[in-house]
């Protein structure tokens, strides 16, 4: 198994299928289209990682860094490959890449319908933050 950077033309369909079968927590929206993913890749392509096993995508994670804070999006592991450490490997690599960019602190969001993800991230040292999340559609 190889953790490598995502390639839009080669990996998009497989990653989309992975996200669609990931279960609760990965909610897809307008920002997950090829055009929007392309925008993300222009900023920091080295923070969108896939786990590739013989050409099959079995995991992925998207990270972002705005020069001040990091953010984690869409960690997903194929259901049959869970509980084997792959999610931890993807997060470890992403965190290492964020640190290499000078990122001091990162955030991630966990949907209310995904308590297993909360427990997973807590085991990795992430903690809840007492705040409200707000959002606004700009287009």
N, C-alpha and C. Protein backbone atom coordinates (compact mmCIF):
# COMPACT_ATOMS: atom_id res chain seq x y z
N UNK A 1 0.85 -1.18 0.00
CA UNK A 1 0.00 0.00 0.00
C UNK A 1 0.89 1.23 0.00
N UNK A 2 0.52 2.18 -0.80
CA UNK A 2 1.29 3.41 -0.97
C UNK A 2 0.39 4.60 -0.65
N UNK A 3 0.87 5.51 0.17
CA UNK A 3 0.19 6.78 0.37
C UNK A 3 0.85 7.78 -0.57
N UNK A 4 0.02 8.36 -1.44
CA UNK A 4 0.54 9.28 -2.44
C UNK A 4 -0.44 10.43 -2.62
N UNK A 5 0.00 11.43 -3.39
CA UNK A 5 -0.86 12.57 -3.68
C UNK A 5 -1.94 12.18 -4.69
N UNK A 6 -3.10 12.75 -4.50
CA UNK A 6 -4.26 12.56 -5.37
C UNK A 6 -3.97 13.12 -6.75
N UNK A 7 -4.42 12.41 -7.78
CA UNK A 7 -4.34 12.87 -9.16
C UNK A 7 -5.76 12.96 -9.70
N UNK A 8 -6.21 14.16 -10.04
CA UNK A 8 -7.61 14.38 -10.41
C UNK A 8 -8.07 13.47 -11.54
N UNK A 9 -7.33 13.41 -12.63
CA UNK A 9 -7.79 12.64 -13.78
C UNK A 9 -7.77 11.14 -13.50
N UNK A 10 -6.82 10.68 -12.72
CA UNK A 10 -6.69 9.25 -12.47
C UNK A 10 -7.55 8.77 -11.30
N UNK A 11 -7.73 9.62 -10.26
CA UNK A 11 -8.28 9.16 -9.00
C UNK A 11 -9.69 9.64 -8.67
N UNK A 12 -10.18 10.66 -9.37
CA UNK A 12 -11.44 11.27 -8.93
C UNK A 12 -12.59 10.27 -8.80
N UNK A 13 -12.83 9.47 -9.83
CA UNK A 13 -13.97 8.55 -9.80
C UNK A 13 -13.86 7.57 -8.62
N UNK A 14 -12.68 7.04 -8.38
CA UNK A 14 -12.50 6.08 -7.29
C UNK A 14 -12.65 6.74 -5.93
N UNK A 15 -12.14 7.95 -5.79
CA UNK A 15 -12.27 8.66 -4.51
C UNK A 15 -13.72 9.04 -4.27
N UNK A 16 -14.41 9.49 -5.29
CA UNK A 16 -15.83 9.82 -5.15
C UNK A 16 -16.61 8.58 -4.70
N UNK A 17 -16.35 7.44 -5.30
CA UNK A 17 -17.02 6.19 -4.90
C UNK A 17 -16.69 5.84 -3.46
N UNK A 18 -15.45 6.05 -3.06
CA UNK A 18 -15.06 5.81 -1.66
C UNK A 18 -15.86 6.71 -0.73
N UNK A 19 -15.92 7.98 -1.05
CA UNK A 19 -16.68 8.92 -0.20
C UNK A 19 -18.15 8.52 -0.13
N UNK A 20 -18.71 8.09 -1.25
CA UNK A 20 -20.13 7.74 -1.29
C UNK A 20 -20.45 6.50 -0.47
N UNK A 21 -19.47 5.65 -0.23
CA UNK A 21 -19.69 4.43 0.54
C UNK A 21 -19.07 4.49 1.93
N UNK A 22 -18.60 5.66 2.31
CA UNK A 22 -17.90 5.79 3.58
C UNK A 22 -18.81 5.71 4.80
N UNK A 23 -20.10 5.85 4.60
CA UNK A 23 -21.02 5.82 5.73
C UNK A 23 -21.23 7.21 6.29
N UNK A 24 -21.72 7.28 7.53
CA UNK A 24 -22.01 8.60 8.10
C UNK A 24 -20.74 9.43 8.23
N UNK A 25 -20.89 10.71 8.06
CA UNK A 25 -19.77 11.60 8.27
C UNK A 25 -19.24 12.28 7.03
N UNK A 26 -19.18 11.57 5.91
CA UNK A 26 -18.71 12.19 4.68
C UNK A 26 -19.95 12.65 3.91
N UNK A 27 -20.24 13.92 4.05
CA UNK A 27 -21.39 14.51 3.38
C UNK A 27 -20.87 15.26 2.16
N UNK A 28 -21.31 14.85 1.00
CA UNK A 28 -20.82 15.44 -0.24
C UNK A 28 -21.67 16.63 -0.64
N UNK A 29 -21.02 17.59 -1.28
CA UNK A 29 -21.72 18.79 -1.70
C UNK A 29 -21.08 19.39 -2.93
N UNK A 30 -21.42 20.63 -3.18
CA UNK A 30 -20.93 21.32 -4.39
C UNK A 30 -19.42 21.43 -4.42
N UNK A 31 -18.77 21.47 -3.29
CA UNK A 31 -17.31 21.62 -3.28
C UNK A 31 -16.58 20.32 -3.60
N UNK A 32 -17.33 19.25 -3.85
CA UNK A 32 -16.71 17.96 -4.16
C UNK A 32 -16.76 17.61 -5.64
N UNK A 33 -17.16 18.55 -6.48
CA UNK A 33 -17.17 18.32 -7.93
C UNK A 33 -15.74 18.41 -8.47
N UNK A 34 -15.49 17.84 -9.63
CA UNK A 34 -14.14 17.95 -10.21
C UNK A 34 -13.65 19.39 -10.34
N UNK A 35 -14.52 20.30 -10.73
CA UNK A 35 -14.11 21.69 -10.89
C UNK A 35 -13.67 22.29 -9.56
N UNK A 36 -14.39 21.99 -8.51
CA UNK A 36 -14.04 22.54 -7.19
C UNK A 36 -12.81 21.86 -6.62
N UNK A 37 -12.68 20.56 -6.81
CA UNK A 37 -11.48 19.85 -6.35
C UNK A 37 -10.26 20.39 -7.10
N UNK A 38 -10.42 20.72 -8.37
CA UNK A 38 -9.33 21.30 -9.14
C UNK A 38 -8.83 22.60 -8.51
N UNK A 39 -9.76 23.42 -8.02
CA UNK A 39 -9.37 24.66 -7.33
C UNK A 39 -8.54 24.36 -6.10
N UNK A 40 -8.95 23.35 -5.35
CA UNK A 40 -8.21 22.98 -4.15
C UNK A 40 -6.80 22.53 -4.51
N UNK A 41 -6.68 21.77 -5.58
CA UNK A 41 -5.38 21.25 -5.98
C UNK A 41 -4.43 22.35 -6.44
N UNK A 42 -4.95 23.47 -6.88
CA UNK A 42 -4.09 24.59 -7.27
C UNK A 42 -3.42 25.21 -6.05
N UNK A 43 -4.04 25.09 -4.90
CA UNK A 43 -3.52 25.72 -3.69
C UNK A 43 -2.48 24.84 -2.99
N UNK A 44 -2.84 23.60 -2.68
CA UNK A 44 -1.90 22.72 -1.97
C UNK A 44 -2.18 21.26 -2.33
N UNK A 45 -1.74 20.85 -3.52
CA UNK A 45 -2.00 19.48 -3.97
C UNK A 45 -1.36 18.42 -3.09
N UNK A 46 -0.31 18.79 -2.38
CA UNK A 46 0.40 17.84 -1.52
C UNK A 46 -0.37 17.49 -0.25
N UNK A 47 -1.53 18.13 -0.03
CA UNK A 47 -2.33 17.84 1.14
C UNK A 47 -3.60 17.03 0.83
N UNK A 48 -3.72 16.55 -0.38
CA UNK A 48 -4.81 15.65 -0.74
C UNK A 48 -4.15 14.31 -1.01
N UNK A 49 -4.35 13.37 -0.10
CA UNK A 49 -3.66 12.10 -0.14
C UNK A 49 -4.61 10.94 -0.39
N UNK A 50 -4.11 9.92 -1.06
CA UNK A 50 -4.85 8.68 -1.24
C UNK A 50 -3.98 7.51 -0.81
N UNK A 51 -4.64 6.46 -0.36
CA UNK A 51 -3.98 5.19 -0.09
C UNK A 51 -4.28 4.29 -1.29
N UNK A 52 -3.24 3.92 -1.99
CA UNK A 52 -3.35 3.18 -3.24
C UNK A 52 -2.76 1.78 -3.02
N UNK A 53 -3.60 0.78 -3.26
CA UNK A 53 -3.13 -0.60 -3.13
C UNK A 53 -3.32 -1.29 -4.47
N UNK A 54 -2.24 -1.40 -5.21
CA UNK A 54 -2.30 -2.04 -6.51
C UNK A 54 -3.23 -1.35 -7.49
N UNK A 55 -3.33 -0.03 -7.40
CA UNK A 55 -4.19 0.74 -8.29
C UNK A 55 -5.59 0.96 -7.75
N UNK A 56 -5.94 0.32 -6.64
CA UNK A 56 -7.25 0.52 -6.01
C UNK A 56 -7.11 1.55 -4.89
N UNK A 57 -8.00 2.53 -4.88
CA UNK A 57 -8.00 3.54 -3.83
C UNK A 57 -8.77 2.98 -2.63
N UNK A 58 -8.07 2.81 -1.51
CA UNK A 58 -8.69 2.23 -0.32
C UNK A 58 -8.82 3.24 0.82
N UNK A 59 -8.33 4.45 0.61
CA UNK A 59 -8.46 5.50 1.61
C UNK A 59 -8.07 6.84 1.03
N UNK A 60 -8.55 7.90 1.67
CA UNK A 60 -8.18 9.25 1.24
C UNK A 60 -8.40 10.23 2.38
N UNK A 61 -7.69 11.33 2.29
CA UNK A 61 -7.90 12.45 3.20
C UNK A 61 -7.51 13.72 2.47
N UNK A 62 -8.27 14.77 2.74
CA UNK A 62 -7.95 16.09 2.18
C UNK A 62 -7.55 16.99 3.33
N UNK A 63 -6.46 17.69 3.15
CA UNK A 63 -6.05 18.70 4.10
C UNK A 63 -5.95 20.04 3.42
N UNK A 64 -6.03 21.07 4.19
CA UNK A 64 -5.86 22.42 3.67
C UNK A 64 -5.02 23.23 4.63
N UNK A 65 -4.35 24.21 4.11
CA UNK A 65 -3.55 25.11 4.95
C UNK A 65 -3.63 26.50 4.35
N UNK A 66 -4.07 27.47 5.14
CA UNK A 66 -4.25 28.83 4.65
C UNK A 66 -3.09 29.75 5.01
N UNK A 67 -2.01 29.17 5.53
CA UNK A 67 -0.87 29.97 5.96
C UNK A 67 -0.88 30.24 7.45
N UNK A 68 -1.99 29.93 8.09
CA UNK A 68 -2.12 30.12 9.53
C UNK A 68 -2.62 28.86 10.23
N UNK A 69 -3.70 28.29 9.72
CA UNK A 69 -4.30 27.10 10.32
C UNK A 69 -4.52 26.02 9.27
N UNK A 70 -4.50 24.78 9.74
CA UNK A 70 -4.79 23.65 8.88
C UNK A 70 -6.22 23.19 9.10
N UNK A 71 -6.74 22.48 8.12
CA UNK A 71 -8.07 21.92 8.21
C UNK A 71 -8.06 20.56 7.53
N UNK A 72 -8.79 19.62 8.13
CA UNK A 72 -8.89 18.27 7.59
C UNK A 72 -10.30 18.06 7.07
N UNK A 73 -10.40 17.53 5.86
CA UNK A 73 -11.68 17.24 5.23
C UNK A 73 -11.71 15.78 4.77
N UNK A 74 -12.83 15.17 4.84
CA UNK A 74 -13.12 13.89 4.16
C UNK A 74 -12.08 12.79 4.36
N UNK A 75 -11.77 12.45 5.59
CA UNK A 75 -11.00 11.23 5.80
C UNK A 75 -11.96 10.06 5.55
N UNK A 76 -11.57 9.16 4.68
CA UNK A 76 -12.41 8.00 4.37
C UNK A 76 -11.52 6.78 4.13
N UNK A 77 -11.95 5.66 4.66
CA UNK A 77 -11.27 4.38 4.46
C UNK A 77 -12.33 3.38 4.01
N UNK A 78 -11.99 2.57 3.02
CA UNK A 78 -12.92 1.55 2.53
C UNK A 78 -13.40 0.71 3.72
N UNK A 79 -14.69 0.42 3.79
CA UNK A 79 -15.24 -0.30 4.94
C UNK A 79 -14.49 -1.59 5.28
N UNK A 80 -14.10 -2.35 4.28
CA UNK A 80 -13.42 -3.62 4.53
C UNK A 80 -11.98 -3.44 5.02
N UNK A 81 -11.46 -2.21 4.98
CA UNK A 81 -10.08 -1.93 5.41
C UNK A 81 -10.00 -1.15 6.71
N UNK A 82 -11.14 -0.93 7.36
CA UNK A 82 -11.14 -0.19 8.62
C UNK A 82 -10.58 -1.03 9.76
N UNK A 83 -10.16 -0.34 10.78
CA UNK A 83 -9.60 -0.97 12.00
C UNK A 83 -8.26 -1.65 11.75
N UNK A 84 -7.59 -1.28 10.68
CA UNK A 84 -6.27 -1.84 10.40
C UNK A 84 -5.17 -0.79 10.45
N UNK A 85 -5.49 0.43 10.86
CA UNK A 85 -4.49 1.48 10.99
C UNK A 85 -4.35 2.40 9.79
N UNK A 86 -5.12 2.17 8.74
CA UNK A 86 -4.97 3.00 7.54
C UNK A 86 -5.39 4.44 7.78
N UNK A 87 -6.49 4.66 8.49
CA UNK A 87 -6.91 6.02 8.82
C UNK A 87 -5.84 6.75 9.61
N UNK A 88 -5.24 6.04 10.56
CA UNK A 88 -4.14 6.62 11.36
C UNK A 88 -2.96 6.96 10.47
N UNK A 89 -2.62 6.10 9.52
CA UNK A 89 -1.49 6.37 8.62
C UNK A 89 -1.76 7.61 7.77
N UNK A 90 -2.96 7.71 7.24
CA UNK A 90 -3.30 8.89 6.43
C UNK A 90 -3.23 10.16 7.26
N UNK A 91 -3.77 10.13 8.47
CA UNK A 91 -3.73 11.32 9.33
C UNK A 91 -2.31 11.65 9.75
N UNK A 92 -1.51 10.66 10.05
CA UNK A 92 -0.11 10.90 10.44
C UNK A 92 0.65 11.59 9.31
N UNK A 93 0.46 11.10 8.09
CA UNK A 93 1.13 11.71 6.94
C UNK A 93 0.63 13.13 6.70
N UNK A 94 -0.67 13.34 6.80
CA UNK A 94 -1.22 14.68 6.60
C UNK A 94 -0.69 15.63 7.67
N UNK A 95 -0.71 15.22 8.92
CA UNK A 95 -0.21 16.08 10.00
C UNK A 95 1.27 16.40 9.79
N UNK A 96 2.05 15.43 9.34
CA UNK A 96 3.47 15.66 9.07
C UNK A 96 3.65 16.71 7.98
N UNK A 97 2.85 16.63 6.93
CA UNK A 97 2.93 17.61 5.84
C UNK A 97 2.48 18.99 6.30
N UNK A 98 1.47 19.05 7.15
CA UNK A 98 1.04 20.35 7.69
C UNK A 98 2.15 20.96 8.55
N UNK A 99 2.76 20.15 9.41
CA UNK A 99 3.87 20.65 10.24
C UNK A 99 5.01 21.17 9.37
N UNK A 100 5.32 20.46 8.28
CA UNK A 100 6.40 20.88 7.38
C UNK A 100 6.13 22.23 6.74
N UNK A 101 4.87 22.61 6.63
CA UNK A 101 4.50 23.92 6.08
C UNK A 101 4.52 25.01 7.15
N UNK A 102 4.75 24.62 8.40
CA UNK A 102 4.76 25.59 9.49
C UNK A 102 3.43 25.72 10.21
N UNK A 103 2.52 24.83 9.95
CA UNK A 103 1.19 24.87 10.57
C UNK A 103 1.30 24.53 12.06
N UNK A 104 0.82 25.44 12.90
CA UNK A 104 0.88 25.25 14.34
C UNK A 104 -0.36 24.57 14.92
N UNK A 105 -1.48 24.73 14.25
CA UNK A 105 -2.73 24.19 14.78
C UNK A 105 -3.64 23.84 13.60
N UNK A 106 -4.37 22.74 13.76
CA UNK A 106 -5.30 22.32 12.70
C UNK A 106 -6.65 21.99 13.32
N UNK A 107 -7.65 22.06 12.50
CA UNK A 107 -9.02 21.77 12.90
C UNK A 107 -9.60 20.68 12.01
N UNK A 108 -10.61 20.03 12.51
CA UNK A 108 -11.41 19.14 11.69
C UNK A 108 -12.83 19.18 12.21
N UNK A 109 -13.76 18.81 11.36
CA UNK A 109 -15.17 18.80 11.70
C UNK A 109 -15.65 17.36 11.69
N UNK A 110 -16.47 17.02 12.67
CA UNK A 110 -17.08 15.69 12.74
C UNK A 110 -18.58 15.90 12.81
N UNK A 111 -19.31 15.28 11.90
CA UNK A 111 -20.75 15.43 11.89
C UNK A 111 -21.37 14.73 13.10
N UNK A 112 -22.53 15.21 13.49
CA UNK A 112 -23.21 14.68 14.67
C UNK A 112 -23.62 13.22 14.51
N UNK A 113 -23.73 12.76 13.27
CA UNK A 113 -24.15 11.38 13.03
C UNK A 113 -22.98 10.40 12.98
N UNK A 114 -21.81 10.80 13.50
CA UNK A 114 -20.62 9.97 13.37
C UNK A 114 -19.82 9.85 14.67
N UNK A 115 -20.41 9.25 15.71
CA UNK A 115 -19.68 9.13 16.98
C UNK A 115 -18.43 8.26 16.88
N UNK A 116 -18.40 7.31 15.94
CA UNK A 116 -17.19 6.50 15.78
C UNK A 116 -16.00 7.36 15.36
N UNK A 117 -16.27 8.37 14.54
CA UNK A 117 -15.19 9.27 14.11
C UNK A 117 -14.67 10.08 15.30
N UNK A 118 -15.58 10.53 16.16
CA UNK A 118 -15.13 11.26 17.35
C UNK A 118 -14.15 10.42 18.16
N UNK A 119 -14.51 9.18 18.40
CA UNK A 119 -13.64 8.29 19.18
C UNK A 119 -12.31 8.06 18.47
N UNK A 120 -12.34 7.90 17.15
CA UNK A 120 -11.12 7.71 16.38
C UNK A 120 -10.19 8.90 16.53
N UNK A 121 -10.71 10.11 16.31
CA UNK A 121 -9.87 11.29 16.39
C UNK A 121 -9.37 11.53 17.81
N UNK A 122 -10.16 11.24 18.80
CA UNK A 122 -9.70 11.37 20.19
C UNK A 122 -8.51 10.45 20.44
N UNK A 123 -8.54 9.23 19.88
CA UNK A 123 -7.40 8.32 20.05
C UNK A 123 -6.14 8.87 19.39
N UNK A 124 -6.32 9.73 18.39
CA UNK A 124 -5.17 10.34 17.71
C UNK A 124 -4.71 11.64 18.37
N UNK A 125 -5.37 12.01 19.47
CA UNK A 125 -4.95 13.20 20.20
C UNK A 125 -5.73 14.47 19.90
N UNK A 126 -6.74 14.39 19.05
CA UNK A 126 -7.58 15.54 18.76
C UNK A 126 -8.59 15.70 19.89
N UNK A 127 -9.01 16.93 20.16
CA UNK A 127 -9.98 17.17 21.22
C UNK A 127 -11.07 18.11 20.77
N UNK A 128 -12.22 17.97 21.42
CA UNK A 128 -13.34 18.87 21.11
C UNK A 128 -13.01 20.29 21.54
N UNK A 129 -13.58 21.24 20.81
CA UNK A 129 -13.40 22.66 21.12
C UNK A 129 -14.78 23.24 21.41
N UNK A 130 -14.92 23.95 22.51
CA UNK A 130 -16.24 24.51 22.85
C UNK A 130 -16.54 25.76 22.01
N UNK A 131 -17.21 25.53 20.90
CA UNK A 131 -17.56 26.66 20.04
C UNK A 131 -18.73 26.27 19.16
N UNK A 132 -19.28 27.24 18.53
CA UNK A 132 -20.34 27.02 17.55
C UNK A 132 -19.73 27.05 16.16
N UNK A 133 -20.22 26.20 15.31
CA UNK A 133 -19.81 26.21 13.92
C UNK A 133 -20.88 26.96 13.13
N UNK A 134 -20.43 27.90 12.35
CA UNK A 134 -21.35 28.67 11.52
C UNK A 134 -20.89 28.59 10.08
N UNK A 135 -21.83 28.70 9.18
CA UNK A 135 -21.50 28.66 7.76
C UNK A 135 -22.45 29.54 6.97
N UNK A 136 -22.04 29.85 5.77
CA UNK A 136 -22.86 30.67 4.88
C UNK A 136 -22.54 30.29 3.45
N UNK A 137 -23.57 30.02 2.66
CA UNK A 137 -23.40 29.77 1.24
C UNK A 137 -23.12 31.10 0.56
N UNK A 138 -22.04 31.20 -0.20
CA UNK A 138 -21.66 32.44 -0.87
C UNK A 138 -22.12 32.49 -2.31
N UNK A 139 -22.46 31.38 -2.90
CA UNK A 139 -22.96 31.34 -4.28
C UNK A 139 -24.24 30.55 -4.31
